[in-house]
Amino acid sequence: MVITKLKPFTKAEIEKLRELFEVYIKTVIDIENKICCAGIDRHFEGEELLLKQGSKQSNLWGGGLDLETRIIDYNSFINIRPSDGNTSNEIQDPEVRKTFNDLMRFFFREVL
């Protein structure tokens, strides 16, 4: 199940988000507008949904959450954007990475 929100996910929503991978939830976050799209099979699907809702490409970053270890990752093919200074699938800019991390902790505060 894919859920896009401006507010933190509830425990019930998090249970639905884990249907696809059980212990891992993929996310794409618009770090400017503070919108999270989660529960996607592939990051580009969340990216596409957010772009259709008016997000700008340069504000979209992908990663995920391992629910067993509670580790946030910053890894997605959508992050490879040399034009935005990111040449890796990892979020390289420390400021962008921190913002993504802070927003993940906000959206998933029920489990982090």
C-alpha atoms as a PDB file:
ATOM      1  CA  MET A   1       0.000   0.000   0.000  1.00  0.00           C
ATOM      2  CA  VAL A   2       1.286   3.436  -0.924  1.00  0.00           C
ATOM      3  CA  ILE A   3       0.539   6.342   1.410  1.00  0.00           C
ATOM      4  CA  THR A   4       1.487   9.996   0.839  1.00  0.00           C
ATOM      5  CA  LYS A   5       1.248  12.337   3.821  1.00  0.00           C
ATOM      6  CA  LEU A   6       2.209  15.646   5.356  1.00  0.00           C
ATOM      7  CA  LYS A   7       1.726  14.265   8.884  1.00  0.00           C
ATOM      8  CA  PRO A   8       3.369  11.370  10.752  1.00  0.00           C
ATOM      9  CA  PHE A   9       2.246   7.857   9.904  1.00  0.00           C
ATOM     10  CA  THR A  10       0.116   6.113  12.506  1.00  0.00           C
ATOM     11  CA  LYS A  11       1.012   2.635  13.787  1.00  0.00           C
ATOM     12  CA  ALA A  12      -1.845   1.218  11.708  1.00  0.00           C
ATOM     13  CA  GLU A  13      -0.533   2.946   8.568  1.00  0.00           C
ATOM     14  CA  ILE A  14       2.981   1.682   9.246  1.00  0.00           C
ATOM     15  CA  GLU A  15       1.594  -1.855   9.443  1.00  0.00           C
ATOM     16  CA  LYS A  16       0.029  -1.354   6.005  1.00  0.00           C
ATOM     17  CA  LEU A  17       3.272   0.123   4.625  1.00  0.00           C
ATOM     18  CA  ARG A  18       5.225  -2.989   5.582  1.00  0.00           C
ATOM     19  CA  GLU A  19       2.993  -5.264   3.494  1.00  0.00           C
ATOM     20  CA  LEU A  20       5.360  -5.166   0.511  1.00  0.00           C
ATOM     21  CA  PHE A  21       8.728  -5.895   2.148  1.00  0.00           C
ATOM     22  CA  GLU A  22       7.720  -6.805   5.744  1.00  0.00           C
ATOM     23  CA  VAL A  23      10.729  -5.246   7.517  1.00  0.00           C
ATOM     24  CA  TYR A  24      11.608  -2.423   5.129  1.00  0.00           C
ATOM     25  CA  ILE A  25       9.681   0.633   3.947  1.00  0.00           C
ATOM     26  CA  LYS A  26      10.853   2.543   0.874  1.00  0.00           C
ATOM     27  CA  THR A  27      10.268   6.290   0.951  1.00  0.00           C
ATOM     28  CA  VAL A  28      10.546   9.351  -1.238  1.00  0.00           C
ATOM     29  CA  ILE A  29      10.438  12.684   0.547  1.00  0.00           C
ATOM     30  CA  ASP A  30       9.940  16.172  -0.812  1.00  0.00           C
ATOM     31  CA  ILE A  31      12.310  17.890   1.613  1.00  0.00           C
ATOM     32  CA  GLU A  32      11.045  21.379   0.741  1.00  0.00           C
ATOM     33  CA  ASN A  33       7.309  20.747   1.115  1.00  0.00           C
ATOM     34  CA  LYS A  34       7.737  18.056   3.798  1.00  0.00           C
ATOM     35  CA  ILE A  35       5.696  15.381   2.037  1.00  0.00           C
ATOM     36  CA  CYS A  36       6.476  11.674   2.368  1.00  0.00           C
ATOM     37  CA  CYS A  37       5.420   8.979  -0.074  1.00  0.00           C
ATOM     38  CA  ALA A  38       5.964   5.535   1.462  1.00  0.00           C
ATOM     39  CA  GLY A  39       5.226   1.879   0.797  1.00  0.00           C
ATOM     40  CA  ILE A  40       6.312   1.958  -2.835  1.00  0.00           C
ATOM     41  CA  ASP A  41       7.879  -0.984  -4.645  1.00  0.00           C
ATOM     42  CA  ARG A  42      10.382   1.226  -6.468  1.00  0.00           C
ATOM     43  CA  HIS A  43      11.474   4.730  -5.610  1.00  0.00           C
ATOM     44  CA  PHE A  44      10.669   6.102  -9.053  1.00  0.00           C
ATOM     45  CA  GLU A  45       6.992   5.331  -8.388  1.00  0.00           C
ATOM     46  CA  GLY A  46       6.954   7.645  -5.380  1.00  0.00           C
ATOM     47  CA  GLU A  47       8.951  10.208  -7.293  1.00  0.00           C
ATOM     48  CA  GLU A  48       6.382  10.120 -10.097  1.00  0.00           C
ATOM     49  CA  LEU A  49       3.459  10.530  -7.664  1.00  0.00           C
ATOM     50  CA  LEU A  50       5.056  13.537  -5.976  1.00  0.00           C
ATOM     51  CA  LEU A  51       5.999  15.170  -9.278  1.00  0.00           C
ATOM     52  CA  LYS A  52       2.372  14.847 -10.398  1.00  0.00           C
ATOM     53  CA  GLN A  53       1.355  16.605  -7.162  1.00  0.00           C
ATOM     54  CA  GLY A  54       3.629  19.544  -7.960  1.00  0.00           C
ATOM     55  CA  SER A  55       6.912  18.665  -6.251  1.00  0.00           C
ATOM     56  CA  LYS A  56      10.161  19.773  -7.884  1.00  0.00           C
ATOM     57  CA  GLN A  57      12.677  17.100  -8.873  1.00  0.00           C
ATOM     58  CA  SER A  58      15.509  18.781  -6.977  1.00  0.00           C
ATOM     59  CA  ASN A  59      13.525  18.454  -3.710  1.00  0.00           C
ATOM     60  CA  LEU A  60      12.845  14.707  -4.026  1.00  0.00           C
ATOM     61  CA  TRP A  61      15.120  12.236  -2.274  1.00  0.00           C
ATOM     62  CA  GLY A  62      14.760   8.511  -1.751  1.00  0.00           C
ATOM     63  CA  GLY A  63      15.674   6.118   1.008  1.00  0.00           C
ATOM     64  CA  GLY A  64      14.008   3.864   3.478  1.00  0.00           C
ATOM     65  CA  LEU A  65      13.626   2.445   6.938  1.00  0.00           C
ATOM     66  CA  ASP A  66      14.609  -0.983   8.236  1.00  0.00           C
ATOM     67  CA  LEU A  67      11.971  -1.694  10.876  1.00  0.00           C
ATOM     68  CA  GLU A  68      14.002  -4.404  12.617  1.00  0.00           C
ATOM     69  CA  THR A  69      17.179  -2.388  13.136  1.00  0.00           C
ATOM     70  CA  ARG A  70      15.490   1.044  13.090  1.00  0.00           C
ATOM     71  CA  ILE A  71      18.157   2.205  10.632  1.00  0.00           C
ATOM     72  CA  ILE A  72      17.323   4.923   8.120  1.00  0.00           C
ATOM     73  CA  ASP A  73      19.081   4.627   4.783  1.00  0.00           C
ATOM     74  CA  TYR A  74      19.661   7.266   2.134  1.00  0.00           C
ATOM     75  CA  ASN A  75      19.990   5.006  -0.878  1.00  0.00           C
ATOM     76  CA  SER A  76      17.996   5.205  -4.107  1.00  0.00           C
ATOM     77  CA  PHE A  77      18.642   5.374  -7.825  1.00  0.00           C
ATOM     78  CA  ILE A  78      16.509   8.539  -7.962  1.00  0.00           C
ATOM     79  CA  ASN A  79      19.233  10.237  -5.912  1.00  0.00           C
ATOM     80  CA  ILE A  80      21.732   9.990  -8.782  1.00  0.00           C
ATOM     81  CA  ARG A  81      21.500  13.528 -10.130  1.00  0.00           C
ATOM     82  CA  PRO A  82      24.818  15.086 -11.116  1.00  0.00           C
ATOM     83  CA  SER A  83      22.970  18.288 -12.099  1.00  0.00           C
ATOM     84  CA  ASP A  84      22.004  18.636  -8.409  1.00  0.00           C
ATOM     85  CA  GLY A  85      25.515  17.749  -7.235  1.00  0.00           C
ATOM     86  CA  ASN A  86      24.678  14.160  -6.276  1.00  0.00           C
ATOM     87  CA  THR A  87      26.695  11.607  -8.240  1.00  0.00           C
ATOM     88  CA  SER A  88      25.796   8.598  -6.094  1.00  0.00           C
ATOM     89  CA  ASN A  89      22.669   6.705  -5.139  1.00  0.00           C
ATOM     90  CA  GLU A  90      23.446   7.821  -1.560  1.00  0.00           C
ATOM     91  CA  ILE A  91      22.403  11.321  -0.492  1.00  0.00           C
ATOM     92  CA  GLN A  92      25.815  13.044  -0.448  1.00  0.00           C
ATOM     93  CA  ASP A  93      25.079  16.595   0.681  1.00  0.00           C
ATOM     94  CA  PRO A  94      25.277  16.645   4.505  1.00  0.00           C
ATOM     95  CA  GLU A  95      22.534  19.267   4.804  1.00  0.00           C
ATOM     96  CA  VAL A  96      20.126  17.405   2.493  1.00  0.00           C
ATOM     97  CA  ARG A  97      20.939  14.147   4.280  1.00  0.00           C
ATOM     98  CA  LYS A  98      20.225  15.711   7.690  1.00  0.00           C
ATOM     99  CA  THR A  99      16.936  17.169   6.450  1.00  0.00           C
ATOM    100  CA  PHE A 100      15.921  13.778   5.011  1.00  0.00           C
ATOM    101  CA  ASN A 101      16.872  12.094   8.303  1.00  0.00           C
ATOM    102  CA  ASP A 102      14.922  14.627  10.377  1.00  0.00           C
ATOM    103  CA  LEU A 103      11.854  14.190   8.184  1.00  0.00           C
ATOM    104  CA  MET A 104      12.089  10.380   8.362  1.00  0.00           C
ATOM    105  CA  ARG A 105      12.162  10.659  12.166  1.00  0.00           C
ATOM    106  CA  PHE A 106       9.125  12.950  12.006  1.00  0.00           C
ATOM    107  CA  PHE A 107       7.080  10.751   9.664  1.00  0.00           C
ATOM    108  CA  PHE A 108       8.018   7.500  11.431  1.00  0.00           C
ATOM    109  CA  ARG A 109       8.117   8.747  15.013  1.00  0.00           C
ATOM    110  CA  GLU A 110       5.813   5.889  16.055  1.00  0.00           C
ATOM    111  CA  VAL A 111       8.639   3.414  15.436  1.00  0.00           C
ATOM    112  CA  LEU A 112      11.843   5.490  15.708  1.00  0.00           C
END
